[in-house]
Amino acid sequence: MSASPSARAFYGLRPEMVTRLLELRTSLDPALARSDEATARAQIEAVLDDFGDFIATSDLPTHRAFLTSFLAKRAAEESGASSALSTLVAIGDTAVQVVQERLLTGHGEELALLVARVTAGAVRIVNELIADELGRRKALSHELRTGQKRPAAIVASPRPASITEPTPWVMTRGGARPAAPRGESTHVEAATDPGTADLVHTQDDDVDVVDGVVDGVVEPVTEAIPALTTLPGEPEGKTR
């Protein structure tokens, strides 16, 4: 099956996107700035290839599998989930800028919007992956403290209700979780149970935060991205 016009245009601009990102990486993203050029190039090219393949094929499982691997690699590098999100947004935003500058046609506007939507969708998927992992660790922490497994309904991970109304996330050194409703306490105290020294929990809702203390509530990174209606591979009319 031949690639769509949008995918062909994206692939055609890919070399310029890579060059632009390498030139600007020190100001775009701290994780890319810390990397040597070869490492930064490999990460940039991998993300752009994934975005281009998703535009061409609408293969959501493969797209999600890549993002899972990308997040795991960042965790292995001790860069953190917030760093992974920052890198995805920096790459997506720069790709949009290149499209807008080079394709001064209606098709260019369409491709720019599509790349922005794919970027927003990638951020949403990464947030879901983070929530899944924190839910798993939360259940494990509870079991270590009490010797009992939590019911599935309590372990279940939260999901942002809408990409246009994203949920604020509390970013920690070990990941992210939804922020407590306004007015509720977010005081954090250290856990003292044996074997859980790297876990802390909030007094108000007993939600575990892994590998560090709460650094604060950050605004969702998707607010700067155009509202998402439908992603490639999803039925028309499905809203986010």
C-alpha atoms as a PDB file:
ATOM      1  CA  MET A   1       0.000   0.000   0.000  1.00  0.00           C
ATOM      2  CA  SER A   2       1.436   3.377  -1.015  1.00  0.00           C
ATOM      3  CA  ALA A   3       1.919   6.131   1.544  1.00  0.00           C
ATOM      4  CA  SER A   4      -0.617   8.934   1.745  1.00  0.00           C
ATOM      5  CA  PRO A   5       0.251  12.417   0.424  1.00  0.00           C
ATOM      6  CA  SER A   6       0.579  13.631   4.023  1.00  0.00           C
ATOM      7  CA  ALA A   7       2.991  10.820   4.895  1.00  0.00           C
ATOM      8  CA  ARG A   8       5.065  11.424   1.752  1.00  0.00           C
ATOM      9  CA  ALA A   9       5.280  15.138   2.545  1.00  0.00           C
ATOM     10  CA  PHE A  10       6.282  14.380   6.142  1.00  0.00           C
ATOM     11  CA  TYR A  11       9.006  11.951   5.051  1.00  0.00           C
ATOM     12  CA  GLY A  12      10.253  14.519   2.534  1.00  0.00           C
ATOM     13  CA  LEU A  13      10.704  17.117   5.276  1.00  0.00           C
ATOM     14  CA  ARG A  14      12.169  14.671   7.794  1.00  0.00           C
ATOM     15  CA  PRO A  15      15.859  15.488   7.056  1.00  0.00           C
ATOM     16  CA  GLU A  16      15.210  19.197   7.604  1.00  0.00           C
ATOM     17  CA  MET A  17      13.325  18.442  10.823  1.00  0.00           C
ATOM     18  CA  VAL A  18      16.285  16.423  12.122  1.00  0.00           C
ATOM     19  CA  THR A  19      18.747  19.186  11.228  1.00  0.00           C
ATOM     20  CA  ARG A  20      16.600  21.860  12.892  1.00  0.00           C
ATOM     21  CA  LEU A  21      16.175  19.822  16.056  1.00  0.00           C
ATOM     22  CA  LEU A  22      19.897  19.116  16.337  1.00  0.00           C
ATOM     23  CA  GLU A  23      20.683  22.814  15.920  1.00  0.00           C
ATOM     24  CA  LEU A  24      18.139  23.898  18.538  1.00  0.00           C
ATOM     25  CA  ARG A  25      18.263  20.962  20.943  1.00  0.00           C
ATOM     26  CA  THR A  26      20.079  22.861  23.715  1.00  0.00           C
ATOM     27  CA  SER A  27      17.213  25.356  23.936  1.00  0.00           C
ATOM     28  CA  LEU A  28      14.353  22.967  23.183  1.00  0.00           C
ATOM     29  CA  ASP A  29      14.795  20.129  25.630  1.00  0.00           C
ATOM     30  CA  PRO A  30      17.194  19.535  28.566  1.00  0.00           C
ATOM     31  CA  ALA A  31      17.392  15.791  27.890  1.00  0.00           C
ATOM     32  CA  LEU A  32      18.459  16.325  24.280  1.00  0.00           C
ATOM     33  CA  ALA A  33      20.852  19.074  25.369  1.00  0.00           C
ATOM     34  CA  ARG A  34      22.648  16.674  27.737  1.00  0.00           C
ATOM     35  CA  SER A  35      23.069  14.060  25.006  1.00  0.00           C
ATOM     36  CA  ASP A  36      25.918  13.953  22.522  1.00  0.00           C
ATOM     37  CA  GLU A  37      24.970  14.598  18.900  1.00  0.00           C
ATOM     38  CA  ALA A  38      24.867  10.931  17.876  1.00  0.00           C
ATOM     39  CA  THR A  39      22.573   9.989  20.771  1.00  0.00           C
ATOM     40  CA  ALA A  40      20.339  13.004  20.237  1.00  0.00           C
ATOM     41  CA  ARG A  41      20.106  12.272  16.506  1.00  0.00           C
ATOM     42  CA  ALA A  42      19.109   8.659  17.156  1.00  0.00           C
ATOM     43  CA  GLN A  43      16.318   9.703  19.542  1.00  0.00           C
ATOM     44  CA  ILE A  44      15.043  12.436  17.230  1.00  0.00           C
ATOM     45  CA  GLU A  45      15.031  10.171  14.186  1.00  0.00           C
ATOM     46  CA  ALA A  46      13.271   7.385  16.101  1.00  0.00           C
ATOM     47  CA  VAL A  47      10.443   9.698  17.209  1.00  0.00           C
ATOM     48  CA  LEU A  48      10.055  11.253  13.749  1.00  0.00           C
ATOM     49  CA  ASP A  49      10.015   7.796  12.145  1.00  0.00           C
ATOM     50  CA  ASP A  50       7.291   6.701  14.557  1.00  0.00           C
ATOM     51  CA  PHE A  51       5.218   9.827  13.875  1.00  0.00           C
ATOM     52  CA  GLY A  52       5.646   9.386  10.118  1.00  0.00           C
ATOM     53  CA  ASP A  53       4.742   5.694  10.240  1.00  0.00           C
ATOM     54  CA  PHE A  54       1.642   6.473  12.297  1.00  0.00           C
ATOM     55  CA  ILE A  55       0.572   9.141   9.802  1.00  0.00           C
ATOM     56  CA  ALA A  56       1.092   6.630   6.976  1.00  0.00           C
ATOM     57  CA  THR A  57      -0.478   3.522   8.537  1.00  0.00           C
ATOM     58  CA  SER A  58      -2.735   4.648  11.418  1.00  0.00           C
ATOM     59  CA  ASP A  59      -1.340   1.613  13.288  1.00  0.00           C
ATOM     60  CA  LEU A  60      -2.175   2.537  16.872  1.00  0.00           C
ATOM     61  CA  PRO A  61      -0.807  -0.639  18.573  1.00  0.00           C
ATOM     62  CA  THR A  62       2.609  -0.170  16.931  1.00  0.00           C
ATOM     63  CA  HIS A  63       2.579   3.537  17.821  1.00  0.00           C
ATOM     64  CA  ARG A  64       1.741   2.717  21.439  1.00  0.00           C
ATOM     65  CA  ALA A  65       4.435   0.020  21.562  1.00  0.00           C
ATOM     66  CA  PHE A  66       7.047   2.531  20.401  1.00  0.00           C
ATOM     67  CA  LEU A  67       5.994   5.033  23.069  1.00  0.00           C
ATOM     68  CA  THR A  68       6.158   2.298  25.719  1.00  0.00           C
ATOM     69  CA  SER A  69       9.713   1.507  24.632  1.00  0.00           C
ATOM     70  CA  PHE A  70      10.634   5.202  24.486  1.00  0.00           C
ATOM     71  CA  LEU A  71       9.370   5.767  28.034  1.00  0.00           C
ATOM     72  CA  ALA A  72      11.226   2.681  29.291  1.00  0.00           C
ATOM     73  CA  LYS A  73      14.504   3.869  27.747  1.00  0.00           C
ATOM     74  CA  ARG A  74      14.130   7.261  29.397  1.00  0.00           C
ATOM     75  CA  ALA A  75      13.457   5.560  32.722  1.00  0.00           C
ATOM     76  CA  ALA A  76      16.610   3.471  32.275  1.00  0.00           C
ATOM     77  CA  GLU A  77      18.544   6.684  31.650  1.00  0.00           C
ATOM     78  CA  GLU A  78      17.006   8.108  34.858  1.00  0.00           C
ATOM     79  CA  SER A  79      15.606  11.000  32.834  1.00  0.00           C
ATOM     80  CA  GLY A  80      12.067  10.649  34.187  1.00  0.00           C
ATOM     81  CA  ALA A  81       8.617  10.711  32.618  1.00  0.00           C
ATOM     82  CA  SER A  82       8.421  14.502  32.483  1.00  0.00           C
ATOM     83  CA  SER A  83      11.600  14.495  30.387  1.00  0.00           C
ATOM     84  CA  ALA A  84      10.067  12.007  27.945  1.00  0.00           C
ATOM     85  CA  LEU A  85       6.987  14.189  27.571  1.00  0.00           C
ATOM     86  CA  SER A  86       9.136  17.282  27.064  1.00  0.00           C
ATOM     87  CA  THR A  87      11.130  15.565  24.318  1.00  0.00           C
ATOM     88  CA  LEU A  88       8.024  14.395  22.454  1.00  0.00           C
ATOM     89  CA  VAL A  89       6.482  17.864  22.559  1.00  0.00           C
ATOM     90  CA  ALA A  90       9.731  19.559  21.475  1.00  0.00           C
ATOM     91  CA  ILE A  91      10.094  17.229  18.496  1.00  0.00           C
ATOM     92  CA  GLY A  92       6.436  17.520  17.517  1.00  0.00           C
ATOM     93  CA  ASP A  93       6.365  21.315  17.805  1.00  0.00           C
ATOM     94  CA  THR A  94       9.535  21.702  15.731  1.00  0.00           C
ATOM     95  CA  ALA A  95       8.174  19.357  13.071  1.00  0.00           C
ATOM     96  CA  VAL A  96       5.038  21.500  12.860  1.00  0.00           C
ATOM     97  CA  GLN A  97       7.143  24.653  12.449  1.00  0.00           C
ATOM     98  CA  VAL A  98       9.145  23.107   9.590  1.00  0.00           C
ATOM     99  CA  VAL A  99       5.938  22.044   7.832  1.00  0.00           C
ATOM    100  CA  GLN A 100       4.449  25.523   8.201  1.00  0.00           C
ATOM    101  CA  GLU A 101       7.589  27.163   6.828  1.00  0.00           C
ATOM    102  CA  ARG A 102       8.178  24.809   3.901  1.00  0.00           C
ATOM    103  CA  LEU A 103       4.674  23.931   2.724  1.00  0.00           C
ATOM    104  CA  LEU A 104       2.922  27.244   2.142  1.00  0.00           C
ATOM    105  CA  THR A 105      -0.258  25.632   0.832  1.00  0.00           C
ATOM    106  CA  GLY A 106      -3.528  24.308   2.138  1.00  0.00           C
ATOM    107  CA  HIS A 107      -1.967  20.848   2.199  1.00  0.00           C
ATOM    108  CA  GLY A 108       0.796  22.225   4.421  1.00  0.00           C
ATOM    109  CA  GLU A 109      -1.770  23.515   6.901  1.00  0.00           C
ATOM    110  CA  GLU A 110      -3.466  20.119   6.894  1.00  0.00           C
ATOM    111  CA  LEU A 111      -0.189  18.299   7.545  1.00  0.00           C
ATOM    112  CA  ALA A 112       0.810  20.741  10.302  1.00  0.00           C
ATOM    113  CA  LEU A 113      -2.494  20.120  12.074  1.00  0.00           C
ATOM    114  CA  LEU A 114      -2.104  16.366  11.643  1.00  0.00           C
ATOM    115  CA  VAL A 115       1.407  16.392  13.155  1.00  0.00           C
ATOM    116  CA  ALA A 116       0.115  18.482  16.073  1.00  0.00           C
ATOM    117  CA  ARG A 117      -2.678  15.965  16.627  1.00  0.00           C
ATOM    118  CA  VAL A 118      -0.265  13.035  16.543  1.00  0.00           C
ATOM    119  CA  THR A 119       1.945  14.852  19.074  1.00  0.00           C
ATOM    120  CA  ALA A 120      -1.024  15.477  21.366  1.00  0.00           C
ATOM    121  CA  GLY A 121      -2.096  11.855  21.037  1.00  0.00           C
ATOM    122  CA  ALA A 122       1.417  10.670  21.900  1.00  0.00           C
ATOM    123  CA  VAL A 123       1.376  12.795  25.052  1.00  0.00           C
ATOM    124  CA  ARG A 124      -1.992  11.322  26.021  1.00  0.00           C
ATOM    125  CA  ILE A 125      -0.715   7.763  25.528  1.00  0.00           C
ATOM    126  CA  VAL A 126       2.416   8.444  27.601  1.00  0.00           C
ATOM    127  CA  ASN A 127       0.249   9.885  30.389  1.00  0.00           C
ATOM    128  CA  GLU A 128      -1.825   6.690  30.300  1.00  0.00           C
ATOM    129  CA  LEU A 129       1.301   4.528  30.451  1.00  0.00           C
ATOM    130  CA  ILE A 130       2.552   6.530  33.438  1.00  0.00           C
ATOM    131  CA  ALA A 131      -0.800   6.114  35.184  1.00  0.00           C
ATOM    132  CA  ASP A 132      -0.757   2.355  34.527  1.00  0.00           C
ATOM    133  CA  GLU A 133       2.725   2.005  36.012  1.00  0.00           C
ATOM    134  CA  LEU A 134       1.899   4.109  39.065  1.00  0.00           C
ATOM    135  CA  GLY A 135      -1.256   2.080  39.603  1.00  0.00           C
ATOM    136  CA  ARG A 136       0.821  -1.104  39.576  1.00  0.00           C
ATOM    137  CA  ARG A 137       3.376   0.328  42.009  1.00  0.00           C
ATOM    138  CA  LYS A 138       0.617   1.682  44.211  1.00  0.00           C
ATOM    139  CA  ALA A 139      -0.930  -1.779  44.473  1.00  0.00           C
ATOM    140  CA  LEU A 140       2.468  -3.344  45.215  1.00  0.00           C
ATOM    141  CA  SER A 141       3.183  -0.780  47.929  1.00  0.00           C
ATOM    142  CA  HIS A 142      -0.190  -1.434  49.545  1.00  0.00           C
ATOM    143  CA  GLU A 143       0.462  -5.178  49.485  1.00  0.00           C
ATOM    144  CA  LEU A 144       3.907  -4.741  51.049  1.00  0.00           C
ATOM    145  CA  ARG A 145       2.473  -2.607  53.859  1.00  0.00           C
ATOM    146  CA  THR A 146      -0.633  -4.624  54.609  1.00  0.00           C
ATOM    147  CA  GLY A 147      -0.063  -8.075  53.154  1.00  0.00           C
ATOM    148  CA  GLN A 148      -3.341  -7.719  51.263  1.00  0.00           C
ATOM    149  CA  LYS A 149      -4.042  -7.013  47.624  1.00  0.00           C
ATOM    150  CA  ARG A 150      -6.139  -4.005  46.776  1.00  0.00           C
ATOM    151  CA  PRO A 151      -9.392  -4.615  44.880  1.00  0.00           C
ATOM    152  CA  ALA A 152      -9.072  -4.053  41.146  1.00  0.00           C
ATOM    153  CA  ALA A 153     -11.390  -1.050  41.292  1.00  0.00           C
ATOM    154  CA  ILE A 154      -8.939   0.757  43.568  1.00  0.00           C
ATOM    155  CA  VAL A 155      -5.873  -0.232  41.594  1.00  0.00           C
ATOM    156  CA  ALA A 156      -7.329   0.886  38.265  1.00  0.00           C
ATOM    157  CA  SER A 157      -5.407   3.740  36.699  1.00  0.00           C
ATOM    158  CA  PRO A 158      -7.059   7.112  36.085  1.00  0.00           C
ATOM    159  CA  ARG A 159      -7.465   8.352  32.537  1.00  0.00           C
ATOM    160  CA  PRO A 160      -7.609  11.969  31.376  1.00  0.00           C
ATOM    161  CA  ALA A 161     -11.215  12.547  30.360  1.00  0.00           C
ATOM    162  CA  SER A 162     -10.425  14.704  27.354  1.00  0.00           C
ATOM    163  CA  ILE A 163      -7.427  15.962  25.445  1.00  0.00           C
ATOM    164  CA  THR A 164      -9.108  19.360  25.270  1.00  0.00           C
ATOM    165  CA  GLU A 165      -9.603  19.439  29.045  1.00  0.00           C
ATOM    166  CA  PRO A 166      -6.494  17.617  30.282  1.00  0.00           C
ATOM    167  CA  THR A 167      -6.076  16.689  33.900  1.00  0.00           C
ATOM    168  CA  PRO A 168      -3.265  18.479  35.802  1.00  0.00           C
ATOM    169  CA  TRP A 169      -0.544  16.048  36.844  1.00  0.00           C
ATOM    170  CA  VAL A 170       1.665  15.967  39.908  1.00  0.00           C
ATOM    171  CA  MET A 171       5.186  15.316  38.590  1.00  0.00           C
ATOM    172  CA  THR A 172       7.587  13.376  40.816  1.00  0.00           C
ATOM    173  CA  ARG A 173      11.068  12.020  40.304  1.00  0.00           C
ATOM    174  CA  GLY A 174       9.515   8.647  39.581  1.00  0.00           C
ATOM    175  CA  GLY A 175       6.650   9.667  37.322  1.00  0.00           C
ATOM    176  CA  ALA A 176       3.345  11.526  37.345  1.00  0.00           C
ATOM    177  CA  ARG A 177      -0.121  11.194  38.828  1.00  0.00           C
ATOM    178  CA  PRO A 178      -3.315  13.280  38.668  1.00  0.00           C
ATOM    179  CA  ALA A 179      -3.261  16.284  40.983  1.00  0.00           C
ATOM    180  CA  ALA A 180      -5.517  16.321  44.029  1.00  0.00           C
ATOM    181  CA  PRO A 181      -8.675  18.447  43.661  1.00  0.00           C
ATOM    182  CA  ARG A 182      -8.171  22.079  44.544  1.00  0.00           C
ATOM    183  CA  GLY A 183      -8.385  22.701  48.259  1.00  0.00           C
ATOM    184  CA  GLU A 184      -7.220  19.251  49.293  1.00  0.00           C
ATOM    185  CA  SER A 185      -3.964  18.743  51.115  1.00  0.00           C
ATOM    186  CA  THR A 186      -0.932  17.562  49.184  1.00  0.00           C
ATOM    187  CA  HIS A 187       1.326  17.284  52.231  1.00  0.00           C
ATOM    188  CA  VAL A 188       3.765  14.418  51.838  1.00  0.00           C
ATOM    189  CA  GLU A 189       5.358  12.336  54.549  1.00  0.00           C
ATOM    190  CA  ALA A 190       7.911   9.539  54.277  1.00  0.00           C
ATOM    191  CA  ALA A 191       6.827   5.921  54.508  1.00  0.00           C
ATOM    192  CA  THR A 192       8.427   3.973  57.309  1.00  0.00           C
ATOM    193  CA  ASP A 193       7.485   0.365  56.511  1.00  0.00           C
ATOM    194  CA  PRO A 194      10.482  -1.939  55.894  1.00  0.00           C
ATOM    195  CA  GLY A 195      11.171  -2.405  52.208  1.00  0.00           C
ATOM    196  CA  THR A 196       9.268   0.708  51.167  1.00  0.00           C
ATOM    197  CA  ALA A 197      11.791   3.411  51.996  1.00  0.00           C
ATOM    198  CA  ASP A 198      11.581   4.781  48.454  1.00  0.00           C
ATOM    199  CA  LEU A 199       7.830   5.335  48.723  1.00  0.00           C
ATOM    200  CA  VAL A 200       5.934   8.244  50.193  1.00  0.00           C
ATOM    201  CA  HIS A 201       2.199   8.810  50.528  1.00  0.00           C
ATOM    202  CA  THR A 202      -0.171  11.721  50.996  1.00  0.00           C
ATOM    203  CA  GLN A 203      -2.069  12.032  54.239  1.00  0.00           C
ATOM    204  CA  ASP A 204      -5.349  12.953  52.575  1.00  0.00           C
ATOM    205  CA  ASP A 205      -5.889  10.137  50.069  1.00  0.00           C
ATOM    206  CA  ASP A 206      -3.137   7.579  50.778  1.00  0.00           C
ATOM    207  CA  VAL A 207      -1.963   7.755  47.172  1.00  0.00           C
ATOM    208  CA  ASP A 208       1.585   6.481  46.840  1.00  0.00           C
ATOM    209  CA  VAL A 209       4.188   8.473  44.973  1.00  0.00           C
ATOM    210  CA  VAL A 210       7.229   6.533  43.846  1.00  0.00           C
ATOM    211  CA  ASP A 211      10.918   7.419  44.057  1.00  0.00           C
ATOM    212  CA  GLY A 212      10.683  10.869  45.605  1.00  0.00           C
ATOM    213  CA  VAL A 213       8.556  13.695  46.913  1.00  0.00           C
ATOM    214  CA  VAL A 214       5.987  15.742  45.085  1.00  0.00           C
ATOM    215  CA  ASP A 215       7.702  18.564  43.234  1.00  0.00           C
ATOM    216  CA  GLY A 216       4.498  20.430  42.498  1.00  0.00           C
ATOM    217  CA  VAL A 217       1.545  20.574  40.146  1.00  0.00           C
ATOM    218  CA  VAL A 218       2.407  21.365  36.559  1.00  0.00           C
ATOM    219  CA  GLU A 219       0.064  22.471  33.823  1.00  0.00           C
ATOM    220  CA  PRO A 220      -0.652  19.813  31.197  1.00  0.00           C
ATOM    221  CA  VAL A 221       1.794  20.005  28.298  1.00  0.00           C
ATOM    222  CA  THR A 222      -1.048  19.398  25.862  1.00  0.00           C
ATOM    223  CA  GLU A 223      -2.573  22.835  26.414  1.00  0.00           C
ATOM    224  CA  ALA A 224      -0.211  24.347  23.838  1.00  0.00           C
ATOM    225  CA  ILE A 225      -1.272  21.815  21.203  1.00  0.00           C
ATOM    226  CA  PRO A 226      -4.400  22.287  19.022  1.00  0.00           C
ATOM    227  CA  ALA A 227      -7.501  20.502  20.290  1.00  0.00           C
ATOM    228  CA  LEU A 228      -7.647  16.884  19.201  1.00  0.00           C
ATOM    229  CA  THR A 229     -10.753  15.584  17.477  1.00  0.00           C
ATOM    230  CA  THR A 230      -9.889  12.256  15.871  1.00  0.00           C
ATOM    231  CA  LEU A 231      -6.579  10.473  15.525  1.00  0.00           C
ATOM    232  CA  PRO A 232      -5.526   8.325  12.574  1.00  0.00           C
ATOM    233  CA  GLY A 233      -6.871   4.828  13.087  1.00  0.00           C
ATOM    234  CA  GLU A 234      -9.912   5.955  15.093  1.00  0.00           C
ATOM    235  CA  PRO A 235     -13.517   6.215  13.811  1.00  0.00           C
ATOM    236  CA  GLU A 236     -14.624   9.614  12.607  1.00  0.00           C
ATOM    237  CA  GLY A 237     -16.697  11.487  15.141  1.00  0.00           C
ATOM    238  CA  LYS A 238     -14.909  10.021  18.149  1.00  0.00           C
ATOM    239  CA  THR A 239     -13.972  12.962  20.340  1.00  0.00           C
ATOM    240  CA  ARG A 240     -11.217  13.359  22.846  1.00  0.00           C
END
